[in-house]
């Protein structure tokens, strides 16, 4: 005469001879998809292709980002944290005030664009930096430099499979990429008027 309560992905198996007189609370939950070997290898291949394209087609961009990390590591992290954490407050204030709504929508677009690009590129950029640090003697030839970049990115991908390391790598990589882009953009905007006058 008690209450029958069940939660699970499959229907409960109740004997035909059993008599359930009480209230039945049966909820079938969908089984969460498992991250199998095929999905992992597919993600690794995507990261490798993106890393190779960046290394071959945007090498100056990679070098500029790495230069910011080497010369101003803590400044880069600080700029990335300020952008990621405090800019949403500025966006909220701008959207709340009717006069600055256009500025708020502009900040929101830039914020989402930077975050989307950082999430997409933080593993290739971080892997390229680590690969060049691990194999400094491989610099100078595009083939060995590309191999070092791919090995570094593979290491980042492998470490990202560990649950707690995945969150740390994602957060640090996101802040490093966003912060370096902000510093590069700011330096370019400050030097652009002087460069245009020459």
C-alpha atoms as a PDB file:
ATOM      1  CA  UNK A   1       0.000   0.000   0.000  1.00  0.00           C
ATOM      2  CA  UNK A   2       3.018   2.318  -0.064  1.00  0.00           C
ATOM      3  CA  UNK A   3       4.151   4.666  -2.817  1.00  0.00           C
ATOM      4  CA  UNK A   4       6.225   3.214  -5.664  1.00  0.00           C
ATOM      5  CA  UNK A   5       8.828   5.692  -6.836  1.00  0.00           C
ATOM      6  CA  UNK A   6      11.260   5.004  -9.692  1.00  0.00           C
ATOM      7  CA  UNK A   7      13.736   7.087 -11.675  1.00  0.00           C
ATOM      8  CA  UNK A   8      15.852   5.598 -14.444  1.00  0.00           C
ATOM      9  CA  UNK A   9      16.455   5.221 -18.165  1.00  0.00           C
ATOM     10  CA  UNK A  10      14.592   1.908 -18.486  1.00  0.00           C
ATOM     11  CA  UNK A  11      11.073   0.899 -17.402  1.00  0.00           C
ATOM     12  CA  UNK A  12      10.984  -0.946 -14.058  1.00  0.00           C
ATOM     13  CA  UNK A  13      10.560  -4.706 -14.124  1.00  0.00           C
ATOM     14  CA  UNK A  14       7.558  -5.602 -11.977  1.00  0.00           C
ATOM     15  CA  UNK A  15       6.580  -9.199 -11.486  1.00  0.00           C
ATOM     16  CA  UNK A  16       3.119 -10.075 -12.865  1.00  0.00           C
ATOM     17  CA  UNK A  17       2.277 -11.624  -9.513  1.00  0.00           C
ATOM     18  CA  UNK A  18       3.075  -8.416  -7.628  1.00  0.00           C
ATOM     19  CA  UNK A  19       0.169  -6.248  -6.544  1.00  0.00           C
ATOM     20  CA  UNK A  20       0.914  -2.541  -6.332  1.00  0.00           C
ATOM     21  CA  UNK A  21      -1.958  -0.825  -4.540  1.00  0.00           C
ATOM     22  CA  UNK A  22      -0.302   2.490  -3.749  1.00  0.00           C
ATOM     23  CA  UNK A  23       0.550   5.467  -5.943  1.00  0.00           C
ATOM     24  CA  UNK A  24       3.104   4.867  -8.693  1.00  0.00           C
ATOM     25  CA  UNK A  25       5.619   7.603  -9.491  1.00  0.00           C
ATOM     26  CA  UNK A  26       7.633   6.321 -12.458  1.00  0.00           C
ATOM     27  CA  UNK A  27       9.798   8.731 -14.437  1.00  0.00           C
ATOM     28  CA  UNK A  28      11.923   7.509 -17.329  1.00  0.00           C
ATOM     29  CA  UNK A  29      15.061   9.636 -17.723  1.00  0.00           C
ATOM     30  CA  UNK A  30      17.071   9.820 -20.899  1.00  0.00           C
ATOM     31  CA  UNK A  31      20.495   8.268 -20.645  1.00  0.00           C
ATOM     32  CA  UNK A  32      23.281  10.808 -21.078  1.00  0.00           C
ATOM     33  CA  UNK A  33      25.359  10.110 -24.182  1.00  0.00           C
ATOM     34  CA  UNK A  34      28.835   8.855 -23.424  1.00  0.00           C
ATOM     35  CA  UNK A  35      31.933  10.540 -24.809  1.00  0.00           C
ATOM     36  CA  UNK A  36      33.413   7.608 -26.679  1.00  0.00           C
ATOM     37  CA  UNK A  37      36.667   7.045 -28.500  1.00  0.00           C
ATOM     38  CA  UNK A  38      35.172   7.959 -31.869  1.00  0.00           C
ATOM     39  CA  UNK A  39      33.956  11.350 -30.644  1.00  0.00           C
ATOM     40  CA  UNK A  40      37.314  12.015 -28.965  1.00  0.00           C
ATOM     41  CA  UNK A  41      39.288  11.213 -32.118  1.00  0.00           C
ATOM     42  CA  UNK A  42      36.927  13.363 -34.179  1.00  0.00           C
ATOM     43  CA  UNK A  43      37.492  16.312 -31.835  1.00  0.00           C
ATOM     44  CA  UNK A  44      41.253  15.744 -31.953  1.00  0.00           C
ATOM     45  CA  UNK A  45      41.199  15.743 -35.752  1.00  0.00           C
ATOM     46  CA  UNK A  46      39.254  19.025 -35.826  1.00  0.00           C
ATOM     47  CA  UNK A  47      41.770  20.655 -33.489  1.00  0.00           C
ATOM     48  CA  UNK A  48      44.674  19.357 -35.556  1.00  0.00           C
ATOM     49  CA  UNK A  49      43.235  20.725 -38.792  1.00  0.00           C
ATOM     50  CA  UNK A  50      42.556  24.120 -37.214  1.00  0.00           C
ATOM     51  CA  UNK A  51      46.051  24.207 -35.713  1.00  0.00           C
ATOM     52  CA  UNK A  52      47.669  23.346 -39.039  1.00  0.00           C
ATOM     53  CA  UNK A  53      45.699  26.049 -40.841  1.00  0.00           C
ATOM     54  CA  UNK A  54      46.683  28.652 -38.264  1.00  0.00           C
ATOM     55  CA  UNK A  55      50.318  27.620 -38.348  1.00  0.00           C
ATOM     56  CA  UNK A  56      50.541  27.669 -42.146  1.00  0.00           C
ATOM     57  CA  UNK A  57      48.272  30.592 -43.012  1.00  0.00           C
ATOM     58  CA  UNK A  58      48.456  32.844 -39.940  1.00  0.00           C
ATOM     59  CA  UNK A  59      51.953  32.411 -38.574  1.00  0.00           C
ATOM     60  CA  UNK A  60      52.421  36.163 -37.831  1.00  0.00           C
ATOM     61  CA  UNK A  61      49.213  36.080 -35.815  1.00  0.00           C
ATOM     62  CA  UNK A  62      50.490  33.120 -33.784  1.00  0.00           C
ATOM     63  CA  UNK A  63      53.822  34.828 -33.171  1.00  0.00           C
ATOM     64  CA  UNK A  64      52.116  38.044 -32.052  1.00  0.00           C
ATOM     65  CA  UNK A  65      49.904  36.206 -29.555  1.00  0.00           C
ATOM     66  CA  UNK A  66      52.848  34.196 -28.234  1.00  0.00           C
ATOM     67  CA  UNK A  67      54.852  37.388 -27.873  1.00  0.00           C
ATOM     68  CA  UNK A  68      52.183  38.863 -25.630  1.00  0.00           C
ATOM     69  CA  UNK A  69      52.154  35.739 -23.486  1.00  0.00           C
ATOM     70  CA  UNK A  70      55.933  35.717 -23.090  1.00  0.00           C
ATOM     71  CA  UNK A  71      56.389  39.431 -22.382  1.00  0.00           C
ATOM     72  CA  UNK A  72      53.212  40.264 -20.412  1.00  0.00           C
ATOM     73  CA  UNK A  73      51.793  37.025 -19.057  1.00  0.00           C
ATOM     74  CA  UNK A  74      50.131  38.432 -15.919  1.00  0.00           C
ATOM     75  CA  UNK A  75      48.965  41.540 -17.752  1.00  0.00           C
ATOM     76  CA  UNK A  76      47.366  39.304 -20.365  1.00  0.00           C
ATOM     77  CA  UNK A  77      45.562  37.265 -17.702  1.00  0.00           C
ATOM     78  CA  UNK A  78      44.401  40.434 -15.956  1.00  0.00           C
ATOM     79  CA  UNK A  79      43.081  41.975 -19.172  1.00  0.00           C
ATOM     80  CA  UNK A  80      41.282  38.744 -20.046  1.00  0.00           C
ATOM     81  CA  UNK A  81      39.704  38.541 -16.583  1.00  0.00           C
ATOM     82  CA  UNK A  82      38.563  42.165 -16.697  1.00  0.00           C
ATOM     83  CA  UNK A  83      37.000  41.672 -20.119  1.00  0.00           C
ATOM     84  CA  UNK A  84      35.309  38.393 -19.241  1.00  0.00           C
ATOM     85  CA  UNK A  85      34.003  39.326 -15.783  1.00  0.00           C
ATOM     86  CA  UNK A  86      33.452  43.081 -15.661  1.00  0.00           C
ATOM     87  CA  UNK A  87      32.392  43.879 -19.215  1.00  0.00           C
ATOM     88  CA  UNK A  88      28.982  42.173 -18.756  1.00  0.00           C
ATOM     89  CA  UNK A  89      28.319  44.635 -15.908  1.00  0.00           C
ATOM     90  CA  UNK A  90      29.118  47.542 -18.214  1.00  0.00           C
ATOM     91  CA  UNK A  91      26.884  46.044 -20.903  1.00  0.00           C
ATOM     92  CA  UNK A  92      24.038  45.661 -18.395  1.00  0.00           C
ATOM     93  CA  UNK A  93      24.370  49.283 -17.283  1.00  0.00           C
ATOM     94  CA  UNK A  94      24.478  50.521 -20.884  1.00  0.00           C
ATOM     95  CA  UNK A  95      21.378  48.529 -21.829  1.00  0.00           C
ATOM     96  CA  UNK A  96      19.599  49.644 -18.673  1.00  0.00           C
ATOM     97  CA  UNK A  97      20.120  53.315 -19.535  1.00  0.00           C
ATOM     98  CA  UNK A  98      18.186  54.291 -22.629  1.00  0.00           C
ATOM     99  CA  UNK A  99      20.764  56.816 -23.822  1.00  0.00           C
ATOM    100  CA  UNK A 100      23.616  54.307 -24.127  1.00  0.00           C
ATOM    101  CA  UNK A 101      21.731  51.310 -25.495  1.00  0.00           C
ATOM    102  CA  UNK A 102      23.556  51.487 -28.831  1.00  0.00           C
ATOM    103  CA  UNK A 103      26.874  51.402 -27.003  1.00  0.00           C
ATOM    104  CA  UNK A 104      25.625  48.483 -24.922  1.00  0.00           C
ATOM    105  CA  UNK A 105      24.662  46.442 -27.978  1.00  0.00           C
ATOM    106  CA  UNK A 106      28.041  47.235 -29.545  1.00  0.00           C
ATOM    107  CA  UNK A 107      29.862  46.043 -26.428  1.00  0.00           C
ATOM    108  CA  UNK A 108      27.690  42.927 -26.326  1.00  0.00           C
ATOM    109  CA  UNK A 109      28.548  42.079 -29.938  1.00  0.00           C
ATOM    110  CA  UNK A 110      32.270  42.558 -29.316  1.00  0.00           C
ATOM    111  CA  UNK A 111      32.055  40.541 -26.099  1.00  0.00           C
ATOM    112  CA  UNK A 112      30.363  37.581 -27.768  1.00  0.00           C
ATOM    113  CA  UNK A 113      32.706  37.772 -30.761  1.00  0.00           C
ATOM    114  CA  UNK A 114      35.809  37.684 -28.571  1.00  0.00           C
ATOM    115  CA  UNK A 115      34.467  34.838 -26.448  1.00  0.00           C
ATOM    116  CA  UNK A 116      33.427  32.797 -29.487  1.00  0.00           C
ATOM    117  CA  UNK A 117      36.828  33.239 -31.120  1.00  0.00           C
ATOM    118  CA  UNK A 118      38.661  32.431 -27.897  1.00  0.00           C
ATOM    119  CA  UNK A 119      36.646  29.256 -27.296  1.00  0.00           C
ATOM    120  CA  UNK A 120      37.329  28.174 -30.882  1.00  0.00           C
ATOM    121  CA  UNK A 121      41.045  28.961 -30.931  1.00  0.00           C
ATOM    122  CA  UNK A 122      42.374  28.614 -27.392  1.00  0.00           C
ATOM    123  CA  UNK A 123      43.535  24.998 -27.824  1.00  0.00           C
ATOM    124  CA  UNK A 124      45.454  25.617 -31.094  1.00  0.00           C
ATOM    125  CA  UNK A 125      47.005  28.833 -29.755  1.00  0.00           C
ATOM    126  CA  UNK A 126      47.913  27.333 -26.391  1.00  0.00           C
ATOM    127  CA  UNK A 127      49.201  24.180 -28.069  1.00  0.00           C
ATOM    128  CA  UNK A 128      51.340  26.161 -30.511  1.00  0.00           C
ATOM    129  CA  UNK A 129      52.899  28.091 -27.648  1.00  0.00           C
ATOM    130  CA  UNK A 130      53.611  24.936 -25.630  1.00  0.00           C
ATOM    131  CA  UNK A 131      54.970  23.107 -28.676  1.00  0.00           C
ATOM    132  CA  UNK A 132      57.426  25.886 -29.477  1.00  0.00           C
ATOM    133  CA  UNK A 133      58.542  25.935 -25.838  1.00  0.00           C
ATOM    134  CA  UNK A 134      59.030  22.162 -25.770  1.00  0.00           C
ATOM    135  CA  UNK A 135      60.946  22.000 -29.052  1.00  0.00           C
ATOM    136  CA  UNK A 136      62.791  25.321 -29.500  1.00  0.00           C
ATOM    137  CA  UNK A 137      65.384  23.756 -31.797  1.00  0.00           C
ATOM    138  CA  UNK A 138      62.695  22.883 -34.317  1.00  0.00           C
ATOM    139  CA  UNK A 139      62.159  26.534 -35.156  1.00  0.00           C
ATOM    140  CA  UNK A 140      63.360  27.816 -38.502  1.00  0.00           C
ATOM    141  CA  UNK A 141      61.752  25.292 -40.857  1.00  0.00           C
ATOM    142  CA  UNK A 142      58.038  25.209 -41.534  1.00  0.00           C
ATOM    143  CA  UNK A 143      57.844  21.413 -41.351  1.00  0.00           C
ATOM    144  CA  UNK A 144      59.467  20.953 -37.955  1.00  0.00           C
ATOM    145  CA  UNK A 145      57.749  24.075 -36.623  1.00  0.00           C
ATOM    146  CA  UNK A 146      54.377  22.686 -37.705  1.00  0.00           C
ATOM    147  CA  UNK A 147      55.190  19.346 -36.081  1.00  0.00           C
ATOM    148  CA  UNK A 148      56.073  21.047 -32.792  1.00  0.00           C
ATOM    149  CA  UNK A 149      52.826  23.006 -32.936  1.00  0.00           C
ATOM    150  CA  UNK A 150      50.771  19.865 -33.564  1.00  0.00           C
ATOM    151  CA  UNK A 151      52.500  17.976 -30.744  1.00  0.00           C
ATOM    152  CA  UNK A 152      51.853  20.827 -28.330  1.00  0.00           C
ATOM    153  CA  UNK A 153      48.208  20.983 -29.326  1.00  0.00           C
ATOM    154  CA  UNK A 154      47.898  17.213 -28.911  1.00  0.00           C
ATOM    155  CA  UNK A 155      49.276  17.545 -25.384  1.00  0.00           C
ATOM    156  CA  UNK A 156      46.698  20.234 -24.575  1.00  0.00           C
ATOM    157  CA  UNK A 157      43.955  18.041 -26.028  1.00  0.00           C
ATOM    158  CA  UNK A 158      45.056  15.039 -23.950  1.00  0.00           C
ATOM    159  CA  UNK A 159      45.186  17.069 -20.745  1.00  0.00           C
ATOM    160  CA  UNK A 160      41.722  18.437 -21.538  1.00  0.00           C
ATOM    161  CA  UNK A 161      40.341  14.901 -21.298  1.00  0.00           C
ATOM    162  CA  UNK A 162      41.043  14.918 -17.539  1.00  0.00           C
ATOM    163  CA  UNK A 163      37.894  16.352 -15.871  1.00  0.00           C
ATOM    164  CA  UNK A 164      39.388  18.868 -13.420  1.00  0.00           C
ATOM    165  CA  UNK A 165      42.252  19.815 -15.752  1.00  0.00           C
ATOM    166  CA  UNK A 166      39.739  20.443 -18.519  1.00  0.00           C
ATOM    167  CA  UNK A 167      38.120  23.271 -16.553  1.00  0.00           C
ATOM    168  CA  UNK A 168      41.475  24.805 -15.587  1.00  0.00           C
ATOM    169  CA  UNK A 169      42.836  24.668 -19.150  1.00  0.00           C
ATOM    170  CA  UNK A 170      39.623  26.123 -20.537  1.00  0.00           C
ATOM    171  CA  UNK A 171      39.581  29.037 -18.069  1.00  0.00           C
ATOM    172  CA  UNK A 172      43.288  29.882 -18.334  1.00  0.00           C
ATOM    173  CA  UNK A 173      43.316  29.459 -22.107  1.00  0.00           C
ATOM    174  CA  UNK A 174      40.227  31.627 -22.503  1.00  0.00           C
ATOM    175  CA  UNK A 175      41.690  34.439 -20.383  1.00  0.00           C
ATOM    176  CA  UNK A 176      45.069  34.244 -22.126  1.00  0.00           C
ATOM    177  CA  UNK A 177      43.588  34.417 -25.614  1.00  0.00           C
ATOM    178  CA  UNK A 178      41.116  37.207 -24.844  1.00  0.00           C
ATOM    179  CA  UNK A 179      43.724  39.207 -22.937  1.00  0.00           C
ATOM    180  CA  UNK A 180      46.340  38.936 -25.690  1.00  0.00           C
ATOM    181  CA  UNK A 181      43.809  39.991 -28.327  1.00  0.00           C
ATOM    182  CA  UNK A 182      42.804  43.013 -26.261  1.00  0.00           C
ATOM    183  CA  UNK A 183      46.421  44.123 -25.805  1.00  0.00           C
ATOM    184  CA  UNK A 184      47.213  43.609 -29.491  1.00  0.00           C
ATOM    185  CA  UNK A 185      44.090  45.503 -30.524  1.00  0.00           C
ATOM    186  CA  UNK A 186      44.853  48.327 -28.120  1.00  0.00           C
ATOM    187  CA  UNK A 187      48.437  48.596 -29.326  1.00  0.00           C
ATOM    188  CA  UNK A 188      47.298  48.647 -32.936  1.00  0.00           C
ATOM    189  CA  UNK A 189      44.694  51.353 -32.302  1.00  0.00           C
ATOM    190  CA  UNK A 190      47.223  53.507 -30.426  1.00  0.00           C
ATOM    191  CA  UNK A 191      49.871  53.194 -33.133  1.00  0.00           C
ATOM    192  CA  UNK A 192      47.482  53.538 -36.098  1.00  0.00           C
ATOM    193  CA  UNK A 193      47.249  57.391 -36.163  1.00  0.00           C
ATOM    194  CA  UNK A 194      51.015  57.735 -35.990  1.00  0.00           C
ATOM    195  CA  UNK A 195      51.525  55.088 -38.671  1.00  0.00           C
ATOM    196  CA  UNK A 196      49.018  56.807 -40.956  1.00  0.00           C
ATOM    197  CA  UNK A 197      50.842  60.163 -40.658  1.00  0.00           C
ATOM    198  CA  UNK A 198      54.158  58.752 -41.865  1.00  0.00           C
END
